[in-house]
C-alpha cells in the first residue's frame, strides 16, 4: 500500500507513502492506519501545520530527513530534543522548535490538492485545531 487519502476538515487530498525513501517510517505509520488527530498551526517553523504527539514512539530513527520540506511534504519527527510530531508544509518552512532547528523524515507527499494547502494553514491559524484523518486509498 502506497496510496493514502488524507482529509483535513472538509478538504480531501491524495498522497503517496514514500516507501522507497523512508521505508521504516512509512511502514511504522502504515501500521497505525487509519490515523486520526488534529492539526494546529506551527509556532516556529513558518507556513506549516503540525500534529503534536508527545512521547509517542514510532520506533524509527532518521531517514530521508530534512529541515526544509516543500509544500505538500509531510515529515515525522521521531522525537529527541523535542516531542514527537508530524508536520505538513503548506508554504515556506524551516522546521524548528523552541530548542532550535529540527529535521524530520519526509515520508508522505501529497499528490493532489496542493492548491488547497494555504486554506489549511489559514483555518488552523485563525480558527484553531482542524481534524485530520489518514487512511489507505
C-alpha atoms as a PDB file:
ATOM      1  CA  UNK A   1       0.000   0.000   0.000  1.00  0.00           C
ATOM      2  CA  UNK A   2       1.476   3.309  -1.061  1.00  0.00           C
ATOM      3  CA  UNK A   3      -1.603   5.462  -1.718  1.00  0.00           C
ATOM      4  CA  UNK A   4      -3.304   7.435   1.023  1.00  0.00           C
ATOM      5  CA  UNK A   5      -6.371   9.589   1.405  1.00  0.00           C
ATOM      6  CA  UNK A   6      -5.875  12.476   3.813  1.00  0.00           C
ATOM      7  CA  UNK A   7      -8.843  14.521   4.989  1.00  0.00           C
ATOM      8  CA  UNK A   8      -8.289  17.826   6.779  1.00  0.00           C
ATOM      9  CA  UNK A   9     -11.588  19.368   7.906  1.00  0.00           C
ATOM     10  CA  UNK A  10     -13.644  19.167   4.670  1.00  0.00           C
ATOM     11  CA  UNK A  11     -10.656  19.097   2.298  1.00  0.00           C
ATOM     12  CA  UNK A  12      -9.525  15.805   0.746  1.00  0.00           C
ATOM     13  CA  UNK A  13      -6.029  15.075  -0.549  1.00  0.00           C
ATOM     14  CA  UNK A  14      -4.476  12.080  -2.248  1.00  0.00           C
ATOM     15  CA  UNK A  15      -0.979  11.215  -1.137  1.00  0.00           C
ATOM     16  CA  UNK A  16       1.878   8.772  -1.601  1.00  0.00           C
ATOM     17  CA  UNK A  17       3.728   6.976   1.186  1.00  0.00           C
ATOM     18  CA  UNK A  18       7.457   7.329   0.461  1.00  0.00           C
ATOM     19  CA  UNK A  19       8.135   3.614   0.874  1.00  0.00           C
ATOM     20  CA  UNK A  20      11.440   3.690  -1.018  1.00  0.00           C
ATOM     21  CA  UNK A  21      12.892   6.872   0.501  1.00  0.00           C
ATOM     22  CA  UNK A  22      11.670   6.324   4.073  1.00  0.00           C
ATOM     23  CA  UNK A  23      10.768   2.626   4.311  1.00  0.00           C
ATOM     24  CA  UNK A  24      10.874   2.232   8.100  1.00  0.00           C
ATOM     25  CA  UNK A  25       8.887   5.405   8.763  1.00  0.00           C
ATOM     26  CA  UNK A  26       6.307   4.592   6.074  1.00  0.00           C
ATOM     27  CA  UNK A  27       5.851   1.063   7.441  1.00  0.00           C
ATOM     28  CA  UNK A  28       5.549   2.231  11.063  1.00  0.00           C
ATOM     29  CA  UNK A  29       2.928   4.803  10.099  1.00  0.00           C
ATOM     30  CA  UNK A  30       1.006   2.409   7.827  1.00  0.00           C
ATOM     31  CA  UNK A  31       0.593   0.037  10.805  1.00  0.00           C
ATOM     32  CA  UNK A  32      -1.342   2.784  12.605  1.00  0.00           C
ATOM     33  CA  UNK A  33      -3.833   3.499   9.817  1.00  0.00           C
ATOM     34  CA  UNK A  34      -6.411   4.835   9.971  1.00  0.00           C
ATOM     35  CA  UNK A  35      -4.728   7.625  11.955  1.00  0.00           C
ATOM     36  CA  UNK A  36      -6.865  10.464  13.302  1.00  0.00           C
ATOM     37  CA  UNK A  37      -5.815  13.581  15.150  1.00  0.00           C
ATOM     38  CA  UNK A  38      -5.893  17.384  14.955  1.00  0.00           C
ATOM     39  CA  UNK A  39      -3.541  19.777  13.187  1.00  0.00           C
ATOM     40  CA  UNK A  40      -2.619  23.130  14.686  1.00  0.00           C
ATOM     41  CA  UNK A  41      -0.554  25.918  13.188  1.00  0.00           C
ATOM     42  CA  UNK A  42       3.201  25.655  13.771  1.00  0.00           C
ATOM     43  CA  UNK A  43       4.819  28.023  16.228  1.00  0.00           C
ATOM     44  CA  UNK A  44       8.353  28.489  14.933  1.00  0.00           C
ATOM     45  CA  UNK A  45       8.648  26.779  11.563  1.00  0.00           C
ATOM     46  CA  UNK A  46       6.797  29.122   9.194  1.00  0.00           C
ATOM     47  CA  UNK A  47       3.968  28.029   6.910  1.00  0.00           C
ATOM     48  CA  UNK A  48       3.032  24.634   8.244  1.00  0.00           C
ATOM     49  CA  UNK A  49       0.664  22.736  10.476  1.00  0.00           C
ATOM     50  CA  UNK A  50       1.634  20.037  12.925  1.00  0.00           C
ATOM     51  CA  UNK A  51       0.294  17.198  14.995  1.00  0.00           C
ATOM     52  CA  UNK A  52       1.914  17.194  18.447  1.00  0.00           C
ATOM     53  CA  UNK A  53       2.370  13.575  19.556  1.00  0.00           C
ATOM     54  CA  UNK A  54       4.171  13.908  22.887  1.00  0.00           C
ATOM     55  CA  UNK A  55       6.235  10.837  23.661  1.00  0.00           C
ATOM     56  CA  UNK A  56       4.599   8.547  21.059  1.00  0.00           C
ATOM     57  CA  UNK A  57       7.373   6.280  19.783  1.00  0.00           C
ATOM     58  CA  UNK A  58       7.176   5.090  16.169  1.00  0.00           C
ATOM     59  CA  UNK A  59      10.374   3.064  16.693  1.00  0.00           C
ATOM     60  CA  UNK A  60      12.255   4.778  13.865  1.00  0.00           C
ATOM     61  CA  UNK A  61      15.340   6.950  13.608  1.00  0.00           C
ATOM     62  CA  UNK A  62      16.279   9.409  10.928  1.00  0.00           C
ATOM     63  CA  UNK A  63      15.814   8.533   7.254  1.00  0.00           C
ATOM     64  CA  UNK A  64      15.147  10.840   4.312  1.00  0.00           C
ATOM     65  CA  UNK A  65      15.148  13.699   6.819  1.00  0.00           C
ATOM     66  CA  UNK A  66      15.032  17.404   6.071  1.00  0.00           C
ATOM     67  CA  UNK A  67      14.555  20.739   7.802  1.00  0.00           C
ATOM     68  CA  UNK A  68      13.140  22.378   4.660  1.00  0.00           C
ATOM     69  CA  UNK A  69      10.097  20.445   3.385  1.00  0.00           C
ATOM     70  CA  UNK A  70       8.366  21.654   0.237  1.00  0.00           C
ATOM     71  CA  UNK A  71       4.640  22.413   0.289  1.00  0.00           C
ATOM     72  CA  UNK A  72       2.745  19.128   0.371  1.00  0.00           C
ATOM     73  CA  UNK A  73       5.523  17.165   2.059  1.00  0.00           C
ATOM     74  CA  UNK A  74       4.778  15.552   5.405  1.00  0.00           C
ATOM     75  CA  UNK A  75       7.510  14.875   7.952  1.00  0.00           C
ATOM     76  CA  UNK A  76       7.685  12.705  11.037  1.00  0.00           C
ATOM     77  CA  UNK A  77      10.000  13.986  13.739  1.00  0.00           C
ATOM     78  CA  UNK A  78      10.709  10.832  15.759  1.00  0.00           C
ATOM     79  CA  UNK A  79      11.433  12.696  18.979  1.00  0.00           C
ATOM     80  CA  UNK A  80      14.628  13.569  20.751  1.00  0.00           C
ATOM     81  CA  UNK A  81      15.288  17.175  21.720  1.00  0.00           C
ATOM     82  CA  UNK A  82      11.611  17.983  21.169  1.00  0.00           C
ATOM     83  CA  UNK A  83       8.419  15.930  21.254  1.00  0.00           C
ATOM     84  CA  UNK A  84       7.377  13.522  18.515  1.00  0.00           C
ATOM     85  CA  UNK A  85       5.363  15.280  15.833  1.00  0.00           C
ATOM     86  CA  UNK A  86       4.059  15.185  12.291  1.00  0.00           C
ATOM     87  CA  UNK A  87       4.454  18.349  10.205  1.00  0.00           C
ATOM     88  CA  UNK A  88       2.761  19.304   6.931  1.00  0.00           C
ATOM     89  CA  UNK A  89       4.269  22.197   4.983  1.00  0.00           C
ATOM     90  CA  UNK A  90       1.763  24.421   3.164  1.00  0.00           C
ATOM     91  CA  UNK A  91       4.347  27.056   2.229  1.00  0.00           C
ATOM     92  CA  UNK A  92       7.889  28.011   3.231  1.00  0.00           C
ATOM     93  CA  UNK A  93       9.095  26.004   6.241  1.00  0.00           C
ATOM     94  CA  UNK A  94      12.332  25.930   8.229  1.00  0.00           C
ATOM     95  CA  UNK A  95      11.488  23.134  10.677  1.00  0.00           C
ATOM     96  CA  UNK A  96      12.298  24.189  14.238  1.00  0.00           C
ATOM     97  CA  UNK A  97      11.165  24.157  17.846  1.00  0.00           C
ATOM     98  CA  UNK A  98      11.969  26.277  20.875  1.00  0.00           C
ATOM     99  CA  UNK A  99      15.031  24.032  21.192  1.00  0.00           C
ATOM    100  CA  UNK A 100      16.288  25.033  17.720  1.00  0.00           C
ATOM    101  CA  UNK A 101      16.386  23.524  14.241  1.00  0.00           C
ATOM    102  CA  UNK A 102      14.843  20.079  13.768  1.00  0.00           C
ATOM    103  CA  UNK A 103      14.865  17.565  10.916  1.00  0.00           C
ATOM    104  CA  UNK A 104      12.006  15.197  10.210  1.00  0.00           C
ATOM    105  CA  UNK A 105      11.604  12.146   7.995  1.00  0.00           C
ATOM    106  CA  UNK A 106       9.851  13.033   4.737  1.00  0.00           C
ATOM    107  CA  UNK A 107       7.555  10.022   4.486  1.00  0.00           C
ATOM    108  CA  UNK A 108       4.378  11.264   2.740  1.00  0.00           C
ATOM    109  CA  UNK A 109       3.916  13.510  -0.299  1.00  0.00           C
ATOM    110  CA  UNK A 110       0.565  14.992  -1.276  1.00  0.00           C
ATOM    111  CA  UNK A 111      -0.223  14.275  -4.935  1.00  0.00           C
ATOM    112  CA  UNK A 112      -3.477  16.253  -5.284  1.00  0.00           C
ATOM    113  CA  UNK A 113      -4.992  19.322  -3.696  1.00  0.00           C
ATOM    114  CA  UNK A 114      -1.837  21.416  -3.350  1.00  0.00           C
ATOM    115  CA  UNK A 115      -3.923  24.485  -4.218  1.00  0.00           C
ATOM    116  CA  UNK A 116      -5.932  23.869  -1.014  1.00  0.00           C
ATOM    117  CA  UNK A 117      -2.904  23.964   1.293  1.00  0.00           C
ATOM    118  CA  UNK A 118      -2.975  27.713   2.012  1.00  0.00           C
ATOM    119  CA  UNK A 119      -6.571  27.272   3.218  1.00  0.00           C
ATOM    120  CA  UNK A 120      -5.427  24.533   5.624  1.00  0.00           C
ATOM    121  CA  UNK A 121      -2.925  26.982   7.084  1.00  0.00           C
ATOM    122  CA  UNK A 122      -5.417  29.859   7.219  1.00  0.00           C
ATOM    123  CA  UNK A 123      -8.016  27.768   9.044  1.00  0.00           C
ATOM    124  CA  UNK A 124      -5.538  26.387  11.569  1.00  0.00           C
ATOM    125  CA  UNK A 125      -4.119  29.856  12.233  1.00  0.00           C
ATOM    126  CA  UNK A 126      -7.397  31.762  12.531  1.00  0.00           C
ATOM    127  CA  UNK A 127      -9.892  29.092  13.613  1.00  0.00           C
ATOM    128  CA  UNK A 128      -7.785  26.669  15.659  1.00  0.00           C
ATOM    129  CA  UNK A 129      -7.254  22.931  15.524  1.00  0.00           C
ATOM    130  CA  UNK A 130      -8.596  21.112  12.458  1.00  0.00           C
ATOM    131  CA  UNK A 131      -9.484  17.411  12.238  1.00  0.00           C
ATOM    132  CA  UNK A 132      -7.144  15.245  10.168  1.00  0.00           C
ATOM    133  CA  UNK A 133      -7.538  11.629   9.070  1.00  0.00           C
ATOM    134  CA  UNK A 134      -5.041   9.460   7.216  1.00  0.00           C
ATOM    135  CA  UNK A 135      -6.355   6.261   5.617  1.00  0.00           C
ATOM    136  CA  UNK A 136      -5.411   3.806   2.902  1.00  0.00           C
ATOM    137  CA  UNK A 137      -6.739   4.818  -0.519  1.00  0.00           C
END
